[in-house]
């Protein structure tokens, strides 16, 4: 792991720790574990970005437009939502 990657890991962990409640040292320890797990999941391909998830859902909707109950699936991409 490079110095830049370690730095980004610590920055991410501090962001998560600030949102938690309790002793900061304990929060940081928990946040570091979560941040490290997040990086490991990305490396192993277990975690997807929002864009990847949306594309996957849209592909599934196109390939199988109806489920076993006869309901039709659709997915929309809200690009300007909240702006």
N, C-alpha and C. Protein backbone atom coordinates (compact mmCIF):
# COMPACT_ATOMS: atom_id res chain seq x y z
N UNK A 1 0.84 -1.16 0.00
CA UNK A 1 0.00 0.00 0.00
C UNK A 1 0.90 1.24 0.00
N UNK A 2 0.65 2.14 -0.94
CA UNK A 2 1.49 3.33 -1.04
C UNK A 2 1.13 4.36 0.02
N UNK A 3 1.97 5.36 0.17
CA UNK A 3 1.74 6.41 1.16
C UNK A 3 0.45 7.17 0.84
N UNK A 4 0.20 7.41 -0.43
CA UNK A 4 -1.02 8.11 -0.84
C UNK A 4 -2.26 7.30 -0.49
N UNK A 5 -2.19 6.01 -0.70
CA UNK A 5 -3.33 5.15 -0.37
C UNK A 5 -3.57 5.13 1.14
N UNK A 6 -2.50 5.08 1.92
CA UNK A 6 -2.64 5.12 3.38
C UNK A 6 -3.24 6.44 3.83
N UNK A 7 -2.80 7.52 3.20
CA UNK A 7 -3.31 8.84 3.53
C UNK A 7 -4.81 8.91 3.25
N UNK A 8 -5.21 8.42 2.08
CA UNK A 8 -6.63 8.43 1.72
C UNK A 8 -7.45 7.55 2.66
N UNK A 9 -6.86 6.44 3.10
CA UNK A 9 -7.53 5.57 4.06
C UNK A 9 -7.78 6.31 5.37
N UNK A 10 -6.78 7.02 5.86
CA UNK A 10 -6.91 7.77 7.11
C UNK A 10 -7.93 8.90 6.97
N UNK A 11 -7.91 9.58 5.84
CA UNK A 11 -8.88 10.67 5.61
C UNK A 11 -10.29 10.12 5.63
N UNK A 12 -10.51 9.02 4.94
CA UNK A 12 -11.83 8.38 4.91
C UNK A 12 -12.25 7.93 6.31
N UNK A 13 -11.32 7.36 7.06
CA UNK A 13 -11.63 6.88 8.41
C UNK A 13 -11.99 8.05 9.32
N UNK A 14 -11.26 9.16 9.21
CA UNK A 14 -11.57 10.34 10.04
C UNK A 14 -12.95 10.89 9.70
N UNK A 15 -13.31 10.89 8.42
CA UNK A 15 -14.64 11.36 8.02
C UNK A 15 -15.72 10.49 8.66
N UNK A 16 -15.53 9.17 8.62
CA UNK A 16 -16.52 8.27 9.22
C UNK A 16 -16.55 8.42 10.73
N UNK A 17 -15.39 8.59 11.36
CA UNK A 17 -15.32 8.69 12.82
C UNK A 17 -16.01 9.96 13.32
N UNK A 18 -15.94 11.04 12.55
CA UNK A 18 -16.59 12.29 12.96
C UNK A 18 -18.10 12.14 13.04
N UNK A 19 -18.67 11.25 12.25
CA UNK A 19 -20.12 11.05 12.22
C UNK A 19 -20.60 10.12 13.33
N UNK A 20 -19.69 9.41 13.98
CA UNK A 20 -20.06 8.48 15.04
C UNK A 20 -20.13 9.18 16.39
N UNK A 21 -20.65 8.47 17.40
CA UNK A 21 -20.79 9.03 18.75
C UNK A 21 -19.94 8.20 19.71
N UNK A 22 -19.34 8.87 20.70
CA UNK A 22 -18.56 8.17 21.72
C UNK A 22 -17.12 8.65 21.73
N UNK A 23 -16.27 7.85 22.37
CA UNK A 23 -14.86 8.16 22.48
C UNK A 23 -14.22 8.19 21.09
N UNK A 24 -13.49 9.27 20.79
CA UNK A 24 -12.95 9.44 19.43
C UNK A 24 -11.95 8.34 19.07
N UNK A 25 -11.14 7.92 20.01
CA UNK A 25 -10.16 6.88 19.73
C UNK A 25 -10.85 5.58 19.33
N UNK A 26 -11.93 5.24 20.02
CA UNK A 26 -12.69 4.03 19.69
C UNK A 26 -13.40 4.20 18.35
N UNK A 27 -13.94 5.39 18.11
CA UNK A 27 -14.61 5.66 16.83
C UNK A 27 -13.63 5.54 15.68
N UNK A 28 -12.42 6.08 15.85
CA UNK A 28 -11.42 6.03 14.80
C UNK A 28 -10.99 4.59 14.53
N UNK A 29 -10.83 3.80 15.58
CA UNK A 29 -10.46 2.39 15.41
C UNK A 29 -11.51 1.65 14.60
N UNK A 30 -12.79 1.87 14.94
CA UNK A 30 -13.87 1.22 14.20
C UNK A 30 -13.93 1.72 12.76
N UNK A 31 -13.76 3.02 12.58
CA UNK A 31 -13.80 3.59 11.23
C UNK A 31 -12.65 3.08 10.37
N UNK A 32 -11.47 2.91 10.97
CA UNK A 32 -10.34 2.35 10.22
C UNK A 32 -10.63 0.92 9.76
N UNK A 33 -11.24 0.14 10.63
CA UNK A 33 -11.61 -1.23 10.24
C UNK A 33 -12.59 -1.21 9.06
N UNK A 34 -13.59 -0.33 9.16
CA UNK A 34 -14.59 -0.25 8.09
C UNK A 34 -13.97 0.25 6.79
N UNK A 35 -13.11 1.26 6.87
CA UNK A 35 -12.47 1.81 5.68
C UNK A 35 -11.57 0.76 5.02
N UNK A 36 -10.83 0.03 5.83
CA UNK A 36 -9.96 -1.02 5.29
C UNK A 36 -10.79 -2.12 4.64
N UNK A 37 -11.91 -2.50 5.26
CA UNK A 37 -12.78 -3.52 4.68
C UNK A 37 -13.35 -3.03 3.34
N UNK A 38 -13.66 -1.75 3.28
CA UNK A 38 -14.19 -1.17 2.05
C UNK A 38 -13.16 -1.27 0.92
N UNK A 39 -11.89 -0.98 1.23
CA UNK A 39 -10.82 -1.08 0.24
C UNK A 39 -10.63 -2.52 -0.20
N UNK A 40 -10.64 -3.45 0.75
CA UNK A 40 -10.48 -4.86 0.41
C UNK A 40 -11.62 -5.34 -0.50
N UNK A 41 -12.84 -4.90 -0.20
CA UNK A 41 -13.98 -5.30 -1.03
C UNK A 41 -13.86 -4.75 -2.44
N UNK A 42 -13.35 -3.52 -2.57
CA UNK A 42 -13.14 -2.95 -3.91
C UNK A 42 -12.11 -3.75 -4.68
N UNK A 43 -11.03 -4.13 -4.01
CA UNK A 43 -9.97 -4.91 -4.67
C UNK A 43 -10.50 -6.26 -5.14
N UNK A 44 -11.34 -6.88 -4.34
CA UNK A 44 -11.86 -8.20 -4.67
C UNK A 44 -13.08 -8.13 -5.58
N UNK A 45 -13.52 -6.91 -5.89
CA UNK A 45 -14.65 -6.75 -6.80
C UNK A 45 -15.99 -6.98 -6.15
N UNK A 46 -16.06 -6.95 -4.83
CA UNK A 46 -17.32 -7.19 -4.13
C UNK A 46 -18.17 -5.93 -4.00
N UNK A 47 -17.55 -4.77 -4.12
CA UNK A 47 -18.27 -3.52 -3.93
C UNK A 47 -18.42 -2.81 -5.27
N UNK A 48 -19.62 -2.25 -5.49
CA UNK A 48 -19.89 -1.53 -6.72
C UNK A 48 -20.14 -0.07 -6.41
N UNK A 49 -19.85 0.76 -7.40
CA UNK A 49 -20.22 2.16 -7.27
C UNK A 49 -21.71 2.29 -7.58
N UNK A 50 -22.30 3.43 -7.29
CA UNK A 50 -23.71 3.67 -7.57
C UNK A 50 -23.98 3.53 -9.06
N UNK A 51 -23.08 4.09 -9.88
CA UNK A 51 -23.25 4.02 -11.33
C UNK A 51 -23.25 2.58 -11.83
N UNK A 52 -22.33 1.76 -11.29
CA UNK A 52 -22.27 0.35 -11.68
C UNK A 52 -23.54 -0.38 -11.27
N UNK A 53 -24.06 -0.08 -10.09
CA UNK A 53 -25.29 -0.70 -9.62
C UNK A 53 -26.47 -0.33 -10.50
N UNK A 54 -26.57 0.94 -10.86
CA UNK A 54 -27.66 1.39 -11.72
C UNK A 54 -27.59 0.71 -13.08
N UNK A 55 -26.38 0.64 -13.66
CA UNK A 55 -26.22 -0.02 -14.95
C UNK A 55 -26.61 -1.49 -14.86
N UNK A 56 -26.23 -2.15 -13.79
CA UNK A 56 -26.56 -3.57 -13.61
C UNK A 56 -28.07 -3.77 -13.52
N UNK A 57 -28.75 -2.90 -12.77
CA UNK A 57 -30.20 -3.01 -12.64
C UNK A 57 -30.88 -2.75 -13.98
N UNK A 58 -30.40 -1.73 -14.71
CA UNK A 58 -30.98 -1.43 -16.01
C UNK A 58 -30.81 -2.59 -16.98
N UNK A 59 -29.65 -3.23 -16.97
CA UNK A 59 -29.41 -4.39 -17.83
C UNK A 59 -30.34 -5.54 -17.48
N UNK A 60 -30.53 -5.77 -16.18
CA UNK A 60 -31.43 -6.84 -15.75
C UNK A 60 -32.87 -6.54 -16.16
N UNK A 61 -33.25 -5.27 -16.09
CA UNK A 61 -34.60 -4.88 -16.50
C UNK A 61 -34.81 -5.08 -17.99
N UNK A 62 -33.77 -4.80 -18.79
CA UNK A 62 -33.87 -4.98 -20.23
C UNK A 62 -33.90 -6.46 -20.60
N UNK A 63 -33.11 -7.27 -19.92
CA UNK A 63 -33.02 -8.70 -20.22
C UNK A 63 -34.26 -9.45 -19.76
N UNK A 64 -34.82 -9.05 -18.65
CA UNK A 64 -35.98 -9.74 -18.10
C UNK A 64 -37.02 -8.70 -17.68
N UNK A 65 -37.81 -8.19 -18.66
CA UNK A 65 -38.72 -7.09 -18.36
C UNK A 65 -39.85 -7.45 -17.40
N UNK A 66 -40.17 -8.72 -17.26
CA UNK A 66 -41.23 -9.12 -16.33
C UNK A 66 -40.70 -10.15 -15.35
N UNK A 67 -41.15 -10.05 -14.10
CA UNK A 67 -40.74 -11.05 -13.12
C UNK A 67 -41.76 -12.19 -13.12
N UNK A 68 -41.61 -13.12 -12.21
CA UNK A 68 -42.48 -14.29 -12.20
C UNK A 68 -43.92 -13.97 -11.85
N UNK A 69 -44.19 -12.77 -11.30
CA UNK A 69 -45.55 -12.38 -10.96
C UNK A 69 -46.20 -11.56 -12.06
N UNK A 70 -45.45 -11.28 -13.13
CA UNK A 70 -45.99 -10.51 -14.24
C UNK A 70 -45.81 -9.02 -14.11
N UNK A 71 -45.09 -8.59 -13.08
CA UNK A 71 -44.84 -7.15 -12.92
C UNK A 71 -43.73 -6.72 -13.87
N UNK A 72 -43.88 -5.55 -14.44
CA UNK A 72 -42.85 -5.03 -15.34
C UNK A 72 -41.89 -4.17 -14.54
N UNK A 73 -40.60 -4.39 -14.80
CA UNK A 73 -39.55 -3.64 -14.11
C UNK A 73 -39.07 -2.51 -14.99
N UNK A 74 -38.67 -1.42 -14.36
CA UNK A 74 -38.02 -0.32 -15.07
C UNK A 74 -37.08 0.39 -14.11
N UNK A 75 -36.08 1.03 -14.67
CA UNK A 75 -35.12 1.79 -13.85
C UNK A 75 -34.79 3.09 -14.57
N UNK A 76 -34.85 4.18 -13.83
CA UNK A 76 -34.53 5.49 -14.38
C UNK A 76 -33.27 6.03 -13.73
N UNK A 77 -32.51 6.77 -14.47
CA UNK A 77 -31.31 7.41 -13.94
C UNK A 77 -31.64 8.89 -13.70
N UNK A 78 -31.62 9.29 -12.44
CA UNK A 78 -31.92 10.67 -12.06
C UNK A 78 -30.61 11.41 -11.94
N UNK A 79 -30.16 12.03 -13.00
CA UNK A 79 -28.85 12.66 -13.01
C UNK A 79 -28.85 14.01 -12.30
N UNK A 80 -29.92 14.75 -12.37
CA UNK A 80 -29.94 16.10 -11.79
C UNK A 80 -30.74 16.15 -10.50
N UNK A 81 -30.97 15.05 -9.85
CA UNK A 81 -31.74 15.01 -8.63
C UNK A 81 -31.02 15.76 -7.51
N UNK A 82 -31.72 16.65 -6.85
CA UNK A 82 -31.15 17.37 -5.73
C UNK A 82 -30.29 18.56 -6.08
N UNK A 83 -30.26 18.92 -7.35
CA UNK A 83 -29.43 20.07 -7.75
C UNK A 83 -30.27 21.25 -8.12
